[in-house]
Amino acid sequence: IMQTDGSGNLSFVDTPSGGLVKVAELNITSSTAAVELNDSTSGLFDGTFRTYMLVMNEVKVSGANEVLQMQFRNESGSSYITSSYAFISRAIDSSDNVRTVSSTSANQITFLGSTDGIGDGSANFSAEGVIYFVNFNQTDSEQNMFGTGAYNKQSGYIATNHFAGKYRDTSSQIDGIKIFPGGGTITNGNFKIYGLANS
């Protein structure tokens, strides 16, 4: 970056390198039961980065009042884990209602949609979000996801949503995620995932 020495002279100083490295992108344009992003299909969560960031745009679901859910994939056996999740999802809607759902022992992480859900069954209402993933492909700490987003369910309605979730077993290496609605399918959405450079 440039800085001044106080006399009007400009000089350059070193700054830390790093930034966002785009690793994968998936664009959904037709009915899909689940969006999978993992090491075998996208080269993700292979230990290259300690932190990843997922940006989701215009995610639409086929049903009404649906929540978005997530499961992690166990690197050993390449199967998605169906137990031992803990999560919290809290939303505030445009009528100032607070909507909270949580669990300390669930089959999946519920994140976007909180308790009232996304959409009204038409194609007009979507959800967006930014999610961070930390400690994936490691066995020395729990694998966590956390983030924020917004969702729409009808005309004149919007909610802001904060969420966090984790897999409670530190002995498993996680190398992927699966995103799916509580019912129906994902009919549209753009999913970009970035690695956060370590230095």
C-alpha atoms as a PDB file:
ATOM      1  CA  ILE A   1       0.000   0.000   0.000  1.00  0.00           C
ATOM      2  CA  MET A   2       1.045   3.631  -0.353  1.00  0.00           C
ATOM      3  CA  GLN A   3       1.647   5.882   2.621  1.00  0.00           C
ATOM      4  CA  THR A   4       2.931   9.404   3.143  1.00  0.00           C
ATOM      5  CA  ASP A   5       5.870  10.314   5.359  1.00  0.00           C
ATOM      6  CA  GLY A   6       4.201  13.545   6.469  1.00  0.00           C
ATOM      7  CA  SER A   7       6.029  15.766   3.978  1.00  0.00           C
ATOM      8  CA  GLY A   8       3.873  14.756   1.034  1.00  0.00           C
ATOM      9  CA  ASN A   9       6.267  12.085  -0.257  1.00  0.00           C
ATOM     10  CA  LEU A  10       4.700   8.711  -1.066  1.00  0.00           C
ATOM     11  CA  SER A  11       6.318   5.377  -0.306  1.00  0.00           C
ATOM     12  CA  PHE A  12       5.248   1.747  -0.527  1.00  0.00           C
ATOM     13  CA  VAL A  13       5.094  -0.669   2.398  1.00  0.00           C
ATOM     14  CA  ASP A  14       4.700  -4.420   2.355  1.00  0.00           C
ATOM     15  CA  THR A  15       1.333  -5.932   3.251  1.00  0.00           C
ATOM     16  CA  PRO A  16       0.525  -9.544   4.098  1.00  0.00           C
ATOM     17  CA  SER A  17      -0.285 -11.697   1.099  1.00  0.00           C
ATOM     18  CA  GLY A  18      -3.436 -13.774   0.976  1.00  0.00           C
ATOM     19  CA  GLY A  19      -7.052 -13.352   0.070  1.00  0.00           C
ATOM     20  CA  LEU A  20      -9.842 -15.432  -1.421  1.00  0.00           C
ATOM     21  CA  VAL A  21      -9.078 -18.257  -3.830  1.00  0.00           C
ATOM     22  CA  LYS A  22     -12.074 -19.534  -5.786  1.00  0.00           C
ATOM     23  CA  VAL A  23     -12.100 -23.325  -5.531  1.00  0.00           C
ATOM     24  CA  ALA A  24     -15.448 -24.391  -6.988  1.00  0.00           C
ATOM     25  CA  GLU A  25     -18.723 -23.096  -8.412  1.00  0.00           C
ATOM     26  CA  LEU A  26     -21.994 -24.918  -8.918  1.00  0.00           C
ATOM     27  CA  ASN A  27     -24.971 -23.407 -10.721  1.00  0.00           C
ATOM     28  CA  ILE A  28     -28.358 -25.089 -10.181  1.00  0.00           C
ATOM     29  CA  THR A  29     -31.045 -24.391 -12.813  1.00  0.00           C
ATOM     30  CA  SER A  30     -33.342 -27.417 -12.433  1.00  0.00           C
ATOM     31  CA  SER A  31     -34.824 -29.471  -9.622  1.00  0.00           C
ATOM     32  CA  THR A  32     -32.055 -30.989  -7.458  1.00  0.00           C
ATOM     33  CA  ALA A  33     -32.500 -33.049  -4.302  1.00  0.00           C
ATOM     34  CA  ALA A  34     -29.206 -31.888  -2.776  1.00  0.00           C
ATOM     35  CA  VAL A  35     -26.153 -29.765  -3.573  1.00  0.00           C
ATOM     36  CA  GLU A  36     -22.919 -31.622  -2.823  1.00  0.00           C
ATOM     37  CA  LEU A  37     -19.541 -29.919  -2.522  1.00  0.00           C
ATOM     38  CA  ASN A  38     -16.737 -32.248  -1.482  1.00  0.00           C
ATOM     39  CA  ASP A  39     -13.157 -33.324  -2.095  1.00  0.00           C
ATOM     40  CA  SER A  40     -13.996 -36.020  -4.651  1.00  0.00           C
ATOM     41  CA  THR A  41     -16.195 -33.850  -6.889  1.00  0.00           C
ATOM     42  CA  SER A  42     -14.761 -30.352  -6.407  1.00  0.00           C
ATOM     43  CA  GLY A  43     -11.316 -30.700  -4.789  1.00  0.00           C
ATOM     44  CA  LEU A  44     -12.634 -29.118  -1.585  1.00  0.00           C
ATOM     45  CA  PHE A  45     -11.735 -29.518   2.075  1.00  0.00           C
ATOM     46  CA  ASP A  46      -8.524 -31.381   1.299  1.00  0.00           C
ATOM     47  CA  GLY A  47      -6.357 -29.519   3.807  1.00  0.00           C
ATOM     48  CA  THR A  48      -5.185 -26.813   1.388  1.00  0.00           C
ATOM     49  CA  PHE A  49      -7.055 -24.129   3.362  1.00  0.00           C
ATOM     50  CA  ARG A  50      -7.987 -24.039   7.021  1.00  0.00           C
ATOM     51  CA  THR A  51     -11.018 -21.808   6.333  1.00  0.00           C
ATOM     52  CA  TYR A  52     -13.474 -21.848   3.426  1.00  0.00           C
ATOM     53  CA  MET A  53     -16.243 -19.399   2.533  1.00  0.00           C
ATOM     54  CA  LEU A  54     -19.397 -20.330   0.629  1.00  0.00           C
ATOM     55  CA  VAL A  55     -21.478 -17.634  -1.090  1.00  0.00           C
ATOM     56  CA  MET A  56     -25.023 -18.692  -2.024  1.00  0.00           C
ATOM     57  CA  ASN A  57     -27.141 -16.571  -4.393  1.00  0.00           C
ATOM     58  CA  GLU A  58     -30.805 -16.854  -5.413  1.00  0.00           C
ATOM     59  CA  VAL A  59     -31.426 -20.238  -3.798  1.00  0.00           C
ATOM     60  CA  LYS A  60     -35.024 -21.295  -4.434  1.00  0.00           C
ATOM     61  CA  VAL A  61     -36.953 -24.327  -3.206  1.00  0.00           C
ATOM     62  CA  SER A  62     -39.905 -26.174  -4.724  1.00  0.00           C
ATOM     63  CA  GLY A  63     -42.067 -26.208  -1.609  1.00  0.00           C
ATOM     64  CA  ALA A  64     -43.477 -23.612   0.760  1.00  0.00           C
ATOM     65  CA  ASN A  65     -42.000 -22.707   4.163  1.00  0.00           C
ATOM     66  CA  GLU A  66     -38.919 -24.887   3.644  1.00  0.00           C
ATOM     67  CA  VAL A  67     -35.675 -24.646   5.608  1.00  0.00           C
ATOM     68  CA  LEU A  68     -32.192 -25.303   4.230  1.00  0.00           C
ATOM     69  CA  GLN A  69     -30.256 -28.036   5.973  1.00  0.00           C
ATOM     70  CA  MET A  70     -26.709 -29.365   5.843  1.00  0.00           C
ATOM     71  CA  GLN A  71     -24.772 -32.552   6.534  1.00  0.00           C
ATOM     72  CA  PHE A  72     -21.005 -33.117   6.555  1.00  0.00           C
ATOM     73  CA  ARG A  73     -19.229 -35.908   4.688  1.00  0.00           C
ATOM     74  CA  ASN A  74     -16.879 -38.261   6.506  1.00  0.00           C
ATOM     75  CA  GLU A  75     -13.674 -38.678   4.491  1.00  0.00           C
ATOM     76  CA  SER A  76     -13.484 -42.293   5.670  1.00  0.00           C
ATOM     77  CA  GLY A  77     -16.058 -44.142   3.585  1.00  0.00           C
ATOM     78  CA  SER A  78     -17.142 -40.981   1.739  1.00  0.00           C
ATOM     79  CA  SER A  79     -20.562 -41.054   3.410  1.00  0.00           C
ATOM     80  CA  TYR A  80     -22.649 -38.221   4.810  1.00  0.00           C
ATOM     81  CA  ILE A  81     -23.039 -38.198   8.579  1.00  0.00           C
ATOM     82  CA  THR A  82     -26.603 -38.439   9.907  1.00  0.00           C
ATOM     83  CA  SER A  83     -26.157 -37.855  13.656  1.00  0.00           C
ATOM     84  CA  SER A  84     -24.282 -35.880  16.346  1.00  0.00           C
ATOM     85  CA  TYR A  85     -24.822 -32.347  15.028  1.00  0.00           C
ATOM     86  CA  ALA A  86     -25.399 -29.268  17.169  1.00  0.00           C
ATOM     87  CA  PHE A  87     -26.792 -26.047  15.707  1.00  0.00           C
ATOM     88  CA  ILE A  88     -28.542 -22.739  16.354  1.00  0.00           C
ATOM     89  CA  SER A  89     -30.440 -20.666  13.793  1.00  0.00           C
ATOM     90  CA  ARG A  90     -32.030 -17.358  14.766  1.00  0.00           C
ATOM     91  CA  ALA A  91     -33.928 -15.038  12.445  1.00  0.00           C
ATOM     92  CA  ILE A  92     -35.681 -11.703  12.815  1.00  0.00           C
ATOM     93  CA  ASP A  93     -38.376 -11.033  10.245  1.00  0.00           C
ATOM     94  CA  SER A  94     -39.758  -7.799   8.835  1.00  0.00           C
ATOM     95  CA  SER A  95     -42.500  -7.775  11.507  1.00  0.00           C
ATOM     96  CA  ASP A  96     -39.849  -7.953  14.279  1.00  0.00           C
ATOM     97  CA  ASN A  97     -40.694 -11.566  15.137  1.00  0.00           C
ATOM     98  CA  VAL A  98     -37.732 -13.546  16.512  1.00  0.00           C
ATOM     99  CA  ARG A  99     -37.610 -17.101  15.192  1.00  0.00           C
ATOM    100  CA  THR A 100     -35.174 -19.583  16.741  1.00  0.00           C
ATOM    101  CA  VAL A 101     -34.514 -23.282  16.228  1.00  0.00           C
ATOM    102  CA  SER A 102     -31.662 -25.228  17.861  1.00  0.00           C
ATOM    103  CA  SER A 103     -30.488 -28.694  18.847  1.00  0.00           C
ATOM    104  CA  THR A 104     -27.524 -30.318  20.571  1.00  0.00           C
ATOM    105  CA  SER A 105     -28.113 -33.744  19.009  1.00  0.00           C
ATOM    106  CA  ALA A 106     -29.582 -33.606  15.517  1.00  0.00           C
ATOM    107  CA  ASN A 107     -29.434 -35.565  12.258  1.00  0.00           C
ATOM    108  CA  GLN A 108     -28.458 -32.427  10.318  1.00  0.00           C
ATOM    109  CA  ILE A 109     -27.752 -28.721  10.734  1.00  0.00           C
ATOM    110  CA  THR A 110     -30.742 -26.454  10.069  1.00  0.00           C
ATOM    111  CA  PHE A 111     -29.410 -23.059   9.005  1.00  0.00           C
ATOM    112  CA  LEU A 112     -31.374 -20.816   6.594  1.00  0.00           C
ATOM    113  CA  GLY A 113     -35.118 -20.475   7.093  1.00  0.00           C
ATOM    114  CA  SER A 114     -35.120 -20.800  10.879  1.00  0.00           C
ATOM    115  CA  THR A 115     -38.653 -21.859  11.950  1.00  0.00           C
ATOM    116  CA  ASP A 116     -40.899 -20.281   9.307  1.00  0.00           C
ATOM    117  CA  GLY A 117     -39.049 -21.253   6.137  1.00  0.00           C
ATOM    118  CA  ILE A 118     -38.351 -20.035   2.618  1.00  0.00           C
ATOM    119  CA  GLY A 119     -40.842 -19.496  -0.188  1.00  0.00           C
ATOM    120  CA  ASP A 120     -44.541 -20.007  -0.777  1.00  0.00           C
ATOM    121  CA  GLY A 121     -44.293 -22.800  -3.333  1.00  0.00           C
ATOM    122  CA  SER A 122     -43.801 -20.452  -6.296  1.00  0.00           C
ATOM    123  CA  ALA A 123     -40.558 -19.509  -8.029  1.00  0.00           C
ATOM    124  CA  ASN A 124     -40.500 -15.924  -6.810  1.00  0.00           C
ATOM    125  CA  PHE A 125     -38.830 -16.116  -3.395  1.00  0.00           C
ATOM    126  CA  SER A 126     -35.234 -17.019  -2.580  1.00  0.00           C
ATOM    127  CA  ALA A 127     -32.551 -17.165   0.086  1.00  0.00           C
ATOM    128  CA  GLU A 128     -28.985 -15.842   0.072  1.00  0.00           C
ATOM    129  CA  GLY A 129     -26.132 -16.405   2.477  1.00  0.00           C
ATOM    130  CA  VAL A 130     -22.430 -16.407   3.309  1.00  0.00           C
ATOM    131  CA  ILE A 131     -21.099 -19.381   5.288  1.00  0.00           C
ATOM    132  CA  TYR A 132     -17.655 -20.029   6.752  1.00  0.00           C
ATOM    133  CA  PHE A 133     -16.263 -23.533   7.364  1.00  0.00           C
ATOM    134  CA  VAL A 134     -13.363 -24.076   9.769  1.00  0.00           C
ATOM    135  CA  ASN A 135     -11.275 -27.067  10.870  1.00  0.00           C
ATOM    136  CA  PHE A 136     -12.429 -29.344   8.054  1.00  0.00           C
ATOM    137  CA  ASN A 137     -10.118 -32.257   7.197  1.00  0.00           C
ATOM    138  CA  GLN A 138      -8.648 -32.103  10.718  1.00  0.00           C
ATOM    139  CA  THR A 139      -8.979 -34.349  13.761  1.00  0.00           C
ATOM    140  CA  ASP A 140      -7.682 -32.006  16.481  1.00  0.00           C
ATOM    141  CA  SER A 141     -10.855 -29.924  16.857  1.00  0.00           C
ATOM    142  CA  GLU A 142     -14.548 -29.908  15.995  1.00  0.00           C
ATOM    143  CA  GLN A 143     -15.622 -28.947  12.486  1.00  0.00           C
ATOM    144  CA  ASN A 144     -17.725 -25.780  12.542  1.00  0.00           C
ATOM    145  CA  MET A 145     -19.843 -23.762  10.150  1.00  0.00           C
ATOM    146  CA  PHE A 146     -21.272 -20.311  10.841  1.00  0.00           C
ATOM    147  CA  GLY A 147     -22.694 -17.465   8.843  1.00  0.00           C
ATOM    148  CA  THR A 148     -25.480 -15.121   7.990  1.00  0.00           C
ATOM    149  CA  GLY A 149     -28.128 -14.781   5.340  1.00  0.00           C
ATOM    150  CA  ALA A 150     -31.563 -13.555   4.377  1.00  0.00           C
ATOM    151  CA  TYR A 151     -34.673 -15.290   3.128  1.00  0.00           C
ATOM    152  CA  ASN A 152     -38.024 -14.405   1.577  1.00  0.00           C
ATOM    153  CA  LYS A 153     -41.273 -16.315   1.848  1.00  0.00           C
ATOM    154  CA  GLN A 154     -43.913 -13.979   0.403  1.00  0.00           C
ATOM    155  CA  SER A 155     -44.425 -10.464  -0.914  1.00  0.00           C
ATOM    156  CA  GLY A 156     -43.580  -7.862   1.717  1.00  0.00           C
ATOM    157  CA  TYR A 157     -41.723 -10.345   3.923  1.00  0.00           C
ATOM    158  CA  ILE A 158     -37.985 -10.703   4.536  1.00  0.00           C
ATOM    159  CA  ALA A 159     -35.942 -12.119   7.390  1.00  0.00           C
ATOM    160  CA  THR A 160     -32.313 -11.812   8.420  1.00  0.00           C
ATOM    161  CA  ASN A 161     -30.802 -15.042   9.704  1.00  0.00           C
ATOM    162  CA  HIS A 162     -27.675 -15.861  11.732  1.00  0.00           C
ATOM    163  CA  PHE A 163     -26.626 -19.455  12.300  1.00  0.00           C
ATOM    164  CA  ALA A 164     -23.888 -21.804  13.471  1.00  0.00           C
ATOM    165  CA  GLY A 165     -23.464 -25.557  13.529  1.00  0.00           C
ATOM    166  CA  LYS A 166     -20.918 -28.285  14.132  1.00  0.00           C
ATOM    167  CA  TYR A 167     -20.264 -32.003  14.074  1.00  0.00           C
ATOM    168  CA  ARG A 168     -19.557 -33.154  17.594  1.00  0.00           C
ATOM    169  CA  ASP A 169     -17.045 -35.968  16.900  1.00  0.00           C
ATOM    170  CA  THR A 170     -13.470 -34.662  16.608  1.00  0.00           C
ATOM    171  CA  SER A 171     -12.086 -38.058  15.543  1.00  0.00           C
ATOM    172  CA  SER A 172     -13.540 -37.835  12.009  1.00  0.00           C
ATOM    173  CA  GLN A 173     -12.034 -35.939   9.122  1.00  0.00           C
ATOM    174  CA  ILE A 174     -14.650 -33.980   7.163  1.00  0.00           C
ATOM    175  CA  ASP A 175     -14.133 -33.423   3.433  1.00  0.00           C
ATOM    176  CA  GLY A 176     -17.498 -32.241   2.146  1.00  0.00           C
ATOM    177  CA  ILE A 177     -20.960 -30.794   2.672  1.00  0.00           C
ATOM    178  CA  LYS A 178     -24.442 -31.529   1.388  1.00  0.00           C
ATOM    179  CA  ILE A 179     -27.148 -28.819   1.313  1.00  0.00           C
ATOM    180  CA  PHE A 180     -30.792 -29.823   0.960  1.00  0.00           C
ATOM    181  CA  PRO A 181     -34.260 -28.476   1.825  1.00  0.00           C
ATOM    182  CA  GLY A 182     -36.365 -29.929   4.613  1.00  0.00           C
ATOM    183  CA  GLY A 183     -38.820 -31.014   1.917  1.00  0.00           C
ATOM    184  CA  GLY A 184     -39.025 -30.833  -1.856  1.00  0.00           C
ATOM    185  CA  THR A 185     -36.012 -29.847  -3.938  1.00  0.00           C
ATOM    186  CA  ILE A 186     -33.665 -26.973  -4.696  1.00  0.00           C
ATOM    187  CA  THR A 187     -34.803 -25.541  -8.021  1.00  0.00           C
ATOM    188  CA  ASN A 188     -32.305 -22.720  -8.495  1.00  0.00           C
ATOM    189  CA  GLY A 189     -29.128 -21.358  -6.963  1.00  0.00           C
ATOM    190  CA  ASN A 190     -25.542 -20.337  -7.471  1.00  0.00           C
ATOM    191  CA  PHE A 191     -22.948 -21.712  -5.047  1.00  0.00           C
ATOM    192  CA  LYS A 192     -19.384 -20.336  -5.063  1.00  0.00           C
ATOM    193  CA  ILE A 193     -16.827 -21.582  -2.539  1.00  0.00           C
ATOM    194  CA  TYR A 194     -13.514 -19.902  -1.772  1.00  0.00           C
ATOM    195  CA  GLY A 195     -10.493 -20.853   0.262  1.00  0.00           C
ATOM    196  CA  LEU A 196      -9.078 -18.205   2.545  1.00  0.00           C
ATOM    197  CA  ALA A 197      -5.344 -18.056   1.934  1.00  0.00           C
ATOM    198  CA  ASN A 198      -3.291 -18.858   5.023  1.00  0.00           C
ATOM    199  CA  SER A 199      -0.778 -16.045   4.519  1.00  0.00           C
END
